[in-house]
């Protein structure tokens, strides 16, 4: 983990999304989660076979925006699957 990524995590600006539908793409996440605040980074780790691993990390410029997005999405459906947003 880079020092910038670790700092964002400590600052509360990083949001973990788990249980994502495998057809969710980075552009979908930027569009749907960007409405809560300015996104600095979207990481959608890829697995074998060209599909992502079903989770992502979003880094917001402001910790309050990450918290707001988490409250709006944790335990709720997103693209047909209930996701965790922490």
PDB file of N, CA and C in Angstrom:
ATOM      1  N   UNK A   1       0.858  -1.177   0.000  1.00  0.00           N
ATOM      2  CA  UNK A   1       0.000   0.000   0.000  1.00  0.00           C
ATOM      3  C   UNK A   1       0.900   1.235   0.000  1.00  0.00           C
ATOM      4  N   UNK A   2       0.614   2.147  -0.905  1.00  0.00           N
ATOM      5  CA  UNK A   2       1.435   3.352  -0.970  1.00  0.00           C
ATOM      6  C   UNK A   2       1.155   4.236   0.233  1.00  0.00           C
ATOM      7  N   UNK A   3       2.089   5.134   0.508  1.00  0.00           N
ATOM      8  CA  UNK A   3       1.900   6.008   1.663  1.00  0.00           C
ATOM      9  C   UNK A   3       0.693   6.923   1.464  1.00  0.00           C
ATOM     10  N   UNK A   4       0.432   7.349   0.226  1.00  0.00           N
ATOM     11  CA  UNK A   4      -0.739   8.191  -0.033  1.00  0.00           C
ATOM     12  C   UNK A   4      -2.022   7.416   0.225  1.00  0.00           C
ATOM     13  N   UNK A   5      -2.037   6.150  -0.177  1.00  0.00           N
ATOM     14  CA  UNK A   5      -3.208   5.306   0.040  1.00  0.00           C
ATOM     15  C   UNK A   5      -3.422   5.050   1.527  1.00  0.00           C
ATOM     16  N   UNK A   6      -2.349   4.792   2.245  1.00  0.00           N
ATOM     17  CA  UNK A   6      -2.441   4.570   3.692  1.00  0.00           C
ATOM     18  C   UNK A   6      -2.932   5.824   4.400  1.00  0.00           C
ATOM     19  N   UNK A   7      -2.443   6.978   3.979  1.00  0.00           N
ATOM     20  CA  UNK A   7      -2.871   8.241   4.588  1.00  0.00           C
ATOM     21  C   UNK A   7      -4.352   8.487   4.329  1.00  0.00           C
ATOM     22  N   UNK A   8      -4.818   8.193   3.122  1.00  0.00           N
ATOM     23  CA  UNK A   8      -6.238   8.364   2.798  1.00  0.00           C
ATOM     24  C   UNK A   8      -7.088   7.449   3.658  1.00  0.00           C
ATOM     25  N   UNK A   9      -6.596   6.224   3.898  1.00  0.00           N
ATOM     26  CA  UNK A   9      -7.314   5.276   4.736  1.00  0.00           C
ATOM     27  C   UNK A   9      -7.399   5.796   6.171  1.00  0.00           C
ATOM     28  N   UNK A  10      -6.290   6.287   6.695  1.00  0.00           N
ATOM     29  CA  UNK A  10      -6.275   6.832   8.060  1.00  0.00           C
ATOM     30  C   UNK A  10      -7.148   8.074   8.180  1.00  0.00           C
ATOM     31  N   UNK A  11      -7.208   8.871   7.130  1.00  0.00           N
ATOM     32  CA  UNK A  11      -8.011  10.096   7.146  1.00  0.00           C
ATOM     33  C   UNK A  11      -9.506   9.823   6.998  1.00  0.00           C
ATOM     34  N   UNK A  12      -9.865   8.576   6.719  1.00  0.00           N
ATOM     35  CA  UNK A  12     -11.278   8.244   6.532  1.00  0.00           C
ATOM     36  C   UNK A  12     -11.787   8.612   5.153  1.00  0.00           C
ATOM     37  N   UNK A  13     -10.874   8.810   4.210  1.00  0.00           N
ATOM     38  CA  UNK A  13     -11.286   9.205   2.861  1.00  0.00           C
ATOM     39  C   UNK A  13     -11.415   8.009   1.919  1.00  0.00           C
ATOM     40  N   UNK A  14     -11.037   6.824   2.383  1.00  0.00           N
ATOM     41  CA  UNK A  14     -11.047   5.630   1.539  1.00  0.00           C
ATOM     42  C   UNK A  14     -12.248   4.765   1.887  1.00  0.00           C
ATOM     43  N   UNK A  15     -12.951   4.335   0.869  1.00  0.00           N
ATOM     44  CA  UNK A  15     -14.164   3.535   1.035  1.00  0.00           C
ATOM     45  C   UNK A  15     -13.953   2.175   0.369  1.00  0.00           C
ATOM     46  N   UNK A  16     -14.233   1.112   1.111  1.00  0.00           N
ATOM     47  CA  UNK A  16     -14.176  -0.250   0.572  1.00  0.00           C
ATOM     48  C   UNK A  16     -15.576  -0.649   0.141  1.00  0.00           C
ATOM     49  N   UNK A  17     -15.697  -1.145  -1.071  1.00  0.00           N
ATOM     50  CA  UNK A  17     -16.955  -1.689  -1.569  1.00  0.00           C
ATOM     51  C   UNK A  17     -16.772  -3.183  -1.782  1.00  0.00           C
ATOM     52  N   UNK A  18     -17.580  -3.985  -1.147  1.00  0.00           N
ATOM     53  CA  UNK A  18     -17.505  -5.431  -1.292  1.00  0.00           C
ATOM     54  C   UNK A  18     -18.792  -5.998  -1.841  1.00  0.00           C
ATOM     55  N   UNK A  19     -18.684  -7.144  -2.500  1.00  0.00           N
ATOM     56  CA  UNK A  19     -19.861  -7.813  -3.048  1.00  0.00           C
ATOM     57  C   UNK A  19     -20.367  -7.212  -4.341  1.00  0.00           C
ATOM     58  N   UNK A  20     -19.475  -6.541  -5.074  1.00  0.00           N
ATOM     59  CA  UNK A  20     -19.887  -5.893  -6.319  1.00  0.00           C
ATOM     60  C   UNK A  20     -20.281  -6.916  -7.383  1.00  0.00           C
ATOM     61  N   UNK A  21     -21.256  -6.547  -8.188  1.00  0.00           N
ATOM     62  CA  UNK A  21     -21.618  -7.358  -9.348  1.00  0.00           C
ATOM     63  C   UNK A  21     -20.421  -7.374 -10.301  1.00  0.00           C
ATOM     64  N   UNK A  22     -20.198  -8.508 -10.953  1.00  0.00           N
ATOM     65  CA  UNK A  22     -19.025  -8.623 -11.815  1.00  0.00           C
ATOM     66  C   UNK A  22     -19.141  -7.809 -13.097  1.00  0.00           C
ATOM     67  N   UNK A  23     -20.344  -7.321 -13.410  1.00  0.00           N
ATOM     68  CA  UNK A  23     -20.456  -6.444 -14.579  1.00  0.00           C
ATOM     69  C   UNK A  23     -20.272  -4.976 -14.216  1.00  0.00           C
ATOM     70  N   UNK A  24     -20.059  -4.672 -12.948  1.00  0.00           N
ATOM     71  CA  UNK A  24     -19.763  -3.284 -12.535  1.00  0.00           C
ATOM     72  C   UNK A  24     -18.383  -2.903 -13.066  1.00  0.00           C
ATOM     73  N   UNK A  25     -18.302  -1.726 -13.662  1.00  0.00           N
ATOM     74  CA  UNK A  25     -17.049  -1.241 -14.232  1.00  0.00           C
ATOM     75  C   UNK A  25     -16.607   0.027 -13.504  1.00  0.00           C
ATOM     76  N   UNK A  26     -15.359   0.396 -13.702  1.00  0.00           N
ATOM     77  CA  UNK A  26     -14.833   1.600 -13.058  1.00  0.00           C
ATOM     78  C   UNK A  26     -15.670   2.828 -13.404  1.00  0.00           C
ATOM     79  N   UNK A  27     -16.097   2.946 -14.662  1.00  0.00           N
ATOM     80  CA  UNK A  27     -16.917   4.092 -15.067  1.00  0.00           C
ATOM     81  C   UNK A  27     -18.230   4.140 -14.291  1.00  0.00           C
ATOM     82  N   UNK A  28     -18.834   2.969 -14.031  1.00  0.00           N
ATOM     83  CA  UNK A  28     -20.073   2.920 -13.241  1.00  0.00           C
ATOM     84  C   UNK A  28     -19.827   3.456 -11.833  1.00  0.00           C
ATOM     85  N   UNK A  29     -18.721   3.009 -11.221  1.00  0.00           N
ATOM     86  CA  UNK A  29     -18.411   3.431  -9.861  1.00  0.00           C
ATOM     87  C   UNK A  29     -18.137   4.931  -9.812  1.00  0.00           C
ATOM     88  N   UNK A  30     -17.383   5.435 -10.772  1.00  0.00           N
ATOM     89  CA  UNK A  30     -17.093   6.883 -10.815  1.00  0.00           C
ATOM     90  C   UNK A  30     -18.376   7.699 -10.945  1.00  0.00           C
ATOM     91  N   UNK A  31     -19.281   7.242 -11.802  1.00  0.00           N
ATOM     92  CA  UNK A  31     -20.537   7.965 -12.030  1.00  0.00           C
ATOM     93  C   UNK A  31     -21.448   7.887 -10.800  1.00  0.00           C
ATOM     94  N   UNK A  32     -21.640   6.677 -10.279  1.00  0.00           N
ATOM     95  CA  UNK A  32     -22.614   6.474  -9.212  1.00  0.00           C
ATOM     96  C   UNK A  32     -22.118   6.938  -7.837  1.00  0.00           C
ATOM     97  N   UNK A  33     -20.829   6.812  -7.583  1.00  0.00           N
ATOM     98  CA  UNK A  33     -20.295   7.218  -6.282  1.00  0.00           C
ATOM     99  C   UNK A  33     -19.695   8.617  -6.315  1.00  0.00           C
ATOM    100  N   UNK A  34     -19.418   9.131  -7.512  1.00  0.00           N
ATOM    101  CA  UNK A  34     -18.894  10.489  -7.651  1.00  0.00           C
ATOM    102  C   UNK A  34     -19.918  11.546  -7.276  1.00  0.00           C
ATOM    103  N   UNK A  35     -21.191  11.167  -7.249  1.00  0.00           N
ATOM    104  CA  UNK A  35     -22.220  12.152  -6.886  1.00  0.00           C
ATOM    105  C   UNK A  35     -22.182  12.510  -5.400  1.00  0.00           C
ATOM    106  N   UNK A  36     -21.427  11.730  -4.611  1.00  0.00           N
ATOM    107  CA  UNK A  36     -21.310  12.029  -3.179  1.00  0.00           C
ATOM    108  C   UNK A  36     -20.142  12.955  -2.875  1.00  0.00           C
ATOM    109  N   UNK A  37     -19.271  13.168  -3.856  1.00  0.00           N
ATOM    110  CA  UNK A  37     -18.118  14.033  -3.665  1.00  0.00           C
ATOM    111  C   UNK A  37     -17.043  13.716  -4.687  1.00  0.00           C
ATOM    112  N   UNK A  38     -16.000  14.506  -4.686  1.00  0.00           N
ATOM    113  CA  UNK A  38     -14.933  14.341  -5.666  1.00  0.00           C
ATOM    114  C   UNK A  38     -14.098  13.108  -5.358  1.00  0.00           C
ATOM    115  N   UNK A  39     -14.007  12.227  -6.342  1.00  0.00           N
ATOM    116  CA  UNK A  39     -13.198  11.013  -6.210  1.00  0.00           C
ATOM    117  C   UNK A  39     -11.771  11.298  -6.682  1.00  0.00           C
ATOM    118  N   UNK A  40     -10.804  10.950  -5.853  1.00  0.00           N
ATOM    119  CA  UNK A  40      -9.405  11.087  -6.243  1.00  0.00           C
ATOM    120  C   UNK A  40      -8.907   9.824  -6.940  1.00  0.00           C
ATOM    121  N   UNK A  41      -9.452   8.656  -6.550  1.00  0.00           N
ATOM    122  CA  UNK A  41      -8.959   7.402  -7.099  1.00  0.00           C
ATOM    123  C   UNK A  41     -10.035   6.327  -7.003  1.00  0.00           C
ATOM    124  N   UNK A  42     -10.068   5.447  -7.999  1.00  0.00           N
ATOM    125  CA  UNK A  42     -10.928   4.273  -8.000  1.00  0.00           C
ATOM    126  C   UNK A  42     -10.046   3.084  -8.340  1.00  0.00           C
ATOM    127  N   UNK A  43     -10.006   2.102  -7.447  1.00  0.00           N
ATOM    128  CA  UNK A  43      -9.230   0.878  -7.677  1.00  0.00           C
ATOM    129  C   UNK A  43     -10.205  -0.284  -7.745  1.00  0.00           C
ATOM    130  N   UNK A  44     -10.184  -0.984  -8.859  1.00  0.00           N
ATOM    131  CA  UNK A  44     -11.040  -2.149  -9.067  1.00  0.00           C
ATOM    132  C   UNK A  44     -10.108  -3.305  -9.431  1.00  0.00           C
ATOM    133  N   UNK A  45      -9.576  -4.010  -8.403  1.00  0.00           N
ATOM    134  CA  UNK A  45      -8.578  -5.058  -8.654  1.00  0.00           C
ATOM    135  C   UNK A  45      -9.104  -6.157  -9.578  1.00  0.00           C
ATOM    136  N   UNK A  46      -8.277  -6.501 -10.562  1.00  0.00           N
ATOM    137  CA  UNK A  46      -8.649  -7.511 -11.545  1.00  0.00           C
ATOM    138  C   UNK A  46      -8.101  -8.879 -11.136  1.00  0.00           C
ATOM    139  N   UNK A  47      -8.885  -9.896 -11.426  1.00  0.00           N
ATOM    140  CA  UNK A  47      -8.465 -11.264 -11.163  1.00  0.00           C
ATOM    141  C   UNK A  47      -8.140 -11.968 -12.466  1.00  0.00           C
ATOM    142  N   UNK A  48      -8.072 -13.256 -12.408  1.00  0.00           N
ATOM    143  CA  UNK A  48      -7.811 -14.056 -13.608  1.00  0.00           C
ATOM    144  C   UNK A  48      -9.021 -13.992 -14.540  1.00  0.00           C
ATOM    145  N   UNK A  49      -8.765 -14.115 -15.816  1.00  0.00           N
ATOM    146  CA  UNK A  49      -9.860 -14.152 -16.785  1.00  0.00           C
ATOM    147  C   UNK A  49     -10.418 -12.790 -17.142  1.00  0.00           C
ATOM    148  N   UNK A  50      -9.755 -11.723 -16.732  1.00  0.00           N
ATOM    149  CA  UNK A  50     -10.183 -10.384 -17.117  1.00  0.00           C
ATOM    150  C   UNK A  50     -11.365  -9.833 -16.345  1.00  0.00           C
ATOM    151  N   UNK A  51     -11.795 -10.523 -15.299  1.00  0.00           N
ATOM    152  CA  UNK A  51     -12.888 -10.007 -14.462  1.00  0.00           C
ATOM    153  C   UNK A  51     -12.308  -9.449 -13.173  1.00  0.00           C
ATOM    154  N   UNK A  52     -12.998  -8.432 -12.634  1.00  0.00           N
ATOM    155  CA  UNK A  52     -12.531  -7.908 -11.354  1.00  0.00           C
ATOM    156  C   UNK A  52     -12.893  -8.865 -10.232  1.00  0.00           C
ATOM    157  N   UNK A  53     -12.329  -8.631  -9.072  1.00  0.00           N
ATOM    158  CA  UNK A  53     -12.449  -9.566  -7.946  1.00  0.00           C
ATOM    159  C   UNK A  53     -13.714  -9.369  -7.109  1.00  0.00           C
ATOM    160  N   UNK A  54     -14.581  -8.431  -7.479  1.00  0.00           N
ATOM    161  CA  UNK A  54     -15.836  -8.244  -6.756  1.00  0.00           C
ATOM    162  C   UNK A  54     -15.755  -7.222  -5.637  1.00  0.00           C
ATOM    163  N   UNK A  55     -14.646  -6.466  -5.600  1.00  0.00           N
ATOM    164  CA  UNK A  55     -14.539  -5.390  -4.613  1.00  0.00           C
ATOM    165  C   UNK A  55     -13.766  -4.231  -5.216  1.00  0.00           C
ATOM    166  N   UNK A  56     -13.867  -3.087  -4.563  1.00  0.00           N
ATOM    167  CA  UNK A  56     -13.180  -1.890  -5.053  1.00  0.00           C
ATOM    168  C   UNK A  56     -12.835  -0.993  -3.872  1.00  0.00           C
ATOM    169  N   UNK A  57     -11.888  -0.105  -4.106  1.00  0.00           N
ATOM    170  CA  UNK A  57     -11.536   0.938  -3.144  1.00  0.00           C
ATOM    171  C   UNK A  57     -11.729   2.276  -3.827  1.00  0.00           C
ATOM    172  N   UNK A  58     -12.479   3.156  -3.180  1.00  0.00           N
ATOM    173  CA  UNK A  58     -12.696   4.506  -3.692  1.00  0.00           C
ATOM    174  C   UNK A  58     -12.054   5.484  -2.717  1.00  0.00           C
ATOM    175  N   UNK A  59     -11.307   6.434  -3.235  1.00  0.00           N
ATOM    176  CA  UNK A  59     -10.697   7.454  -2.384  1.00  0.00           C
ATOM    177  C   UNK A  59     -11.323   8.800  -2.715  1.00  0.00           C
ATOM    178  N   UNK A  60     -11.944   9.396  -1.712  1.00  0.00           N
ATOM    179  CA  UNK A  60     -12.569  10.709  -1.854  1.00  0.00           C
ATOM    180  C   UNK A  60     -11.603  11.792  -1.405  1.00  0.00           C
ATOM    181  N   UNK A  61     -11.799  12.986  -1.927  1.00  0.00           N
ATOM    182  CA  UNK A  61     -10.991  14.127  -1.506  1.00  0.00           C
ATOM    183  C   UNK A  61     -11.321  14.511  -0.066  1.00  0.00           C
ATOM    184  N   UNK A  62     -12.581  14.290   0.338  1.00  0.00           N
ATOM    185  CA  UNK A  62     -13.046  14.696   1.665  1.00  0.00           C
ATOM    186  C   UNK A  62     -13.607  13.488   2.430  1.00  0.00           C
ATOM    187  N   UNK A  63     -13.211  13.321   3.677  1.00  0.00           N
ATOM    188  CA  UNK A  63     -13.657  12.189   4.497  1.00  0.00           C
ATOM    189  C   UNK A  63     -15.171  12.191   4.694  1.00  0.00           C
ATOM    190  N   UNK A  64     -15.778  13.368   4.782  1.00  0.00           N
ATOM    191  CA  UNK A  64     -17.224  13.448   4.955  1.00  0.00           C
ATOM    192  C   UNK A  64     -17.978  12.858   3.772  1.00  0.00           C
ATOM    193  N   UNK A  65     -17.416  13.015   2.579  1.00  0.00           N
ATOM    194  CA  UNK A  65     -18.044  12.452   1.384  1.00  0.00           C
ATOM    195  C   UNK A  65     -17.977  10.929   1.405  1.00  0.00           C
ATOM    196  N   UNK A  66     -16.847  10.381   1.850  1.00  0.00           N
ATOM    197  CA  UNK A  66     -16.708   8.926   1.951  1.00  0.00           C
ATOM    198  C   UNK A  66     -17.709   8.372   2.968  1.00  0.00           C
ATOM    199  N   UNK A  67     -17.863   9.058   4.077  1.00  0.00           N
ATOM    200  CA  UNK A  67     -18.804   8.640   5.110  1.00  0.00           C
ATOM    201  C   UNK A  67     -20.240   8.675   4.584  1.00  0.00           C
ATOM    202  N   UNK A  68     -20.581   9.723   3.859  1.00  0.00           N
ATOM    203  CA  UNK A  68     -21.919   9.874   3.287  1.00  0.00           C
ATOM    204  C   UNK A  68     -22.203   8.741   2.295  1.00  0.00           C
ATOM    205  N   UNK A  69     -21.255   8.454   1.404  1.00  0.00           N
ATOM    206  CA  UNK A  69     -21.436   7.385   0.424  1.00  0.00           C
ATOM    207  C   UNK A  69     -21.600   6.041   1.130  1.00  0.00           C
ATOM    208  N   UNK A  70     -20.842   5.823   2.190  1.00  0.00           N
ATOM    209  CA  UNK A  70     -20.941   4.580   2.952  1.00  0.00           C
ATOM    210  C   UNK A  70     -22.331   4.425   3.555  1.00  0.00           C
ATOM    211  N   UNK A  71     -22.827   5.473   4.176  1.00  0.00           N
ATOM    212  CA  UNK A  71     -24.151   5.415   4.806  1.00  0.00           C
ATOM    213  C   UNK A  71     -25.252   5.163   3.778  1.00  0.00           C
ATOM    214  N   UNK A  72     -25.092   5.723   2.572  1.00  0.00           N
ATOM    215  CA  UNK A  72     -26.107   5.581   1.536  1.00  0.00           C
ATOM    216  C   UNK A  72     -26.101   4.192   0.895  1.00  0.00           C
ATOM    217  N   UNK A  73     -24.972   3.497   0.907  1.00  0.00           N
ATOM    218  CA  UNK A  73     -24.861   2.242   0.160  1.00  0.00           C
ATOM    219  C   UNK A  73     -24.644   0.991   0.995  1.00  0.00           C
ATOM    220  N   UNK A  74     -24.182   1.101   2.231  1.00  0.00           N
ATOM    221  CA  UNK A  74     -23.867  -0.103   3.005  1.00  0.00           C
ATOM    222  C   UNK A  74     -25.118  -0.952   3.230  1.00  0.00           C
ATOM    223  N   UNK A  75     -25.011  -2.223   2.838  1.00  0.00           N
ATOM    224  CA  UNK A  75     -26.117  -3.156   3.039  1.00  0.00           C
ATOM    225  C   UNK A  75     -27.290  -2.946   2.110  1.00  0.00           C
ATOM    226  N   UNK A  76     -27.078  -2.191   1.040  1.00  0.00           N
ATOM    227  CA  UNK A  76     -28.161  -1.902   0.099  1.00  0.00           C
ATOM    228  C   UNK A  76     -27.806  -2.447  -1.287  1.00  0.00           C
ATOM    229  N   UNK A  77     -28.818  -2.664  -2.120  1.00  0.00           N
ATOM    230  CA  UNK A  77     -28.551  -3.187  -3.457  1.00  0.00           C
ATOM    231  C   UNK A  77     -27.837  -2.167  -4.347  1.00  0.00           C
ATOM    232  N   UNK A  78     -26.901  -2.670  -5.118  1.00  0.00           N
ATOM    233  CA  UNK A  78     -26.219  -1.877  -6.141  1.00  0.00           C
ATOM    234  C   UNK A  78     -25.976  -2.803  -7.329  1.00  0.00           C
ATOM    235  N   UNK A  79     -26.524  -2.466  -8.452  1.00  0.00           N
ATOM    236  CA  UNK A  79     -26.419  -3.273  -9.674  1.00  0.00           C
ATOM    237  C   UNK A  79     -26.830  -4.727  -9.422  1.00  0.00           C
ATOM    238  N   UNK A  80     -27.893  -4.897  -8.647  1.00  0.00           N
ATOM    239  CA  UNK A  80     -28.469  -6.221  -8.451  1.00  0.00           C
ATOM    240  C   UNK A  80     -27.900  -7.047  -7.300  1.00  0.00           C
ATOM    241  N   UNK A  81     -26.906  -6.500  -6.587  1.00  0.00           N
ATOM    242  CA  UNK A  81     -26.327  -7.240  -5.450  1.00  0.00           C
ATOM    243  C   UNK A  81     -26.255  -6.335  -4.239  1.00  0.00           C
ATOM    244  N   UNK A  82     -26.489  -6.932  -3.066  1.00  0.00           N
ATOM    245  CA  UNK A  82     -26.330  -6.163  -1.828  1.00  0.00           C
ATOM    246  C   UNK A  82     -24.821  -6.023  -1.554  1.00  0.00           C
ATOM    247  N   UNK A  83     -24.392  -4.792  -1.378  1.00  0.00           N
ATOM    248  CA  UNK A  83     -22.959  -4.552  -1.193  1.00  0.00           C
ATOM    249  C   UNK A  83     -22.666  -4.061   0.221  1.00  0.00           C
ATOM    250  N   UNK A  84     -21.409  -4.190   0.598  1.00  0.00           N
ATOM    251  CA  UNK A  84     -20.949  -3.555   1.826  1.00  0.00           C
ATOM    252  C   UNK A  84     -20.127  -2.339   1.419  1.00  0.00           C
ATOM    253  N   UNK A  85     -20.277  -1.286   2.170  1.00  0.00           N
ATOM    254  CA  UNK A  85     -19.551  -0.036   1.888  1.00  0.00           C
ATOM    255  C   UNK A  85     -19.014   0.466   3.227  1.00  0.00           C
ATOM    256  N   UNK A  86     -17.716   0.271   3.425  1.00  0.00           N
ATOM    257  CA  UNK A  86     -17.116   0.619   4.722  1.00  0.00           C
ATOM    258  C   UNK A  86     -15.882   1.481   4.521  1.00  0.00           C
TER     259      UNK A  86
END
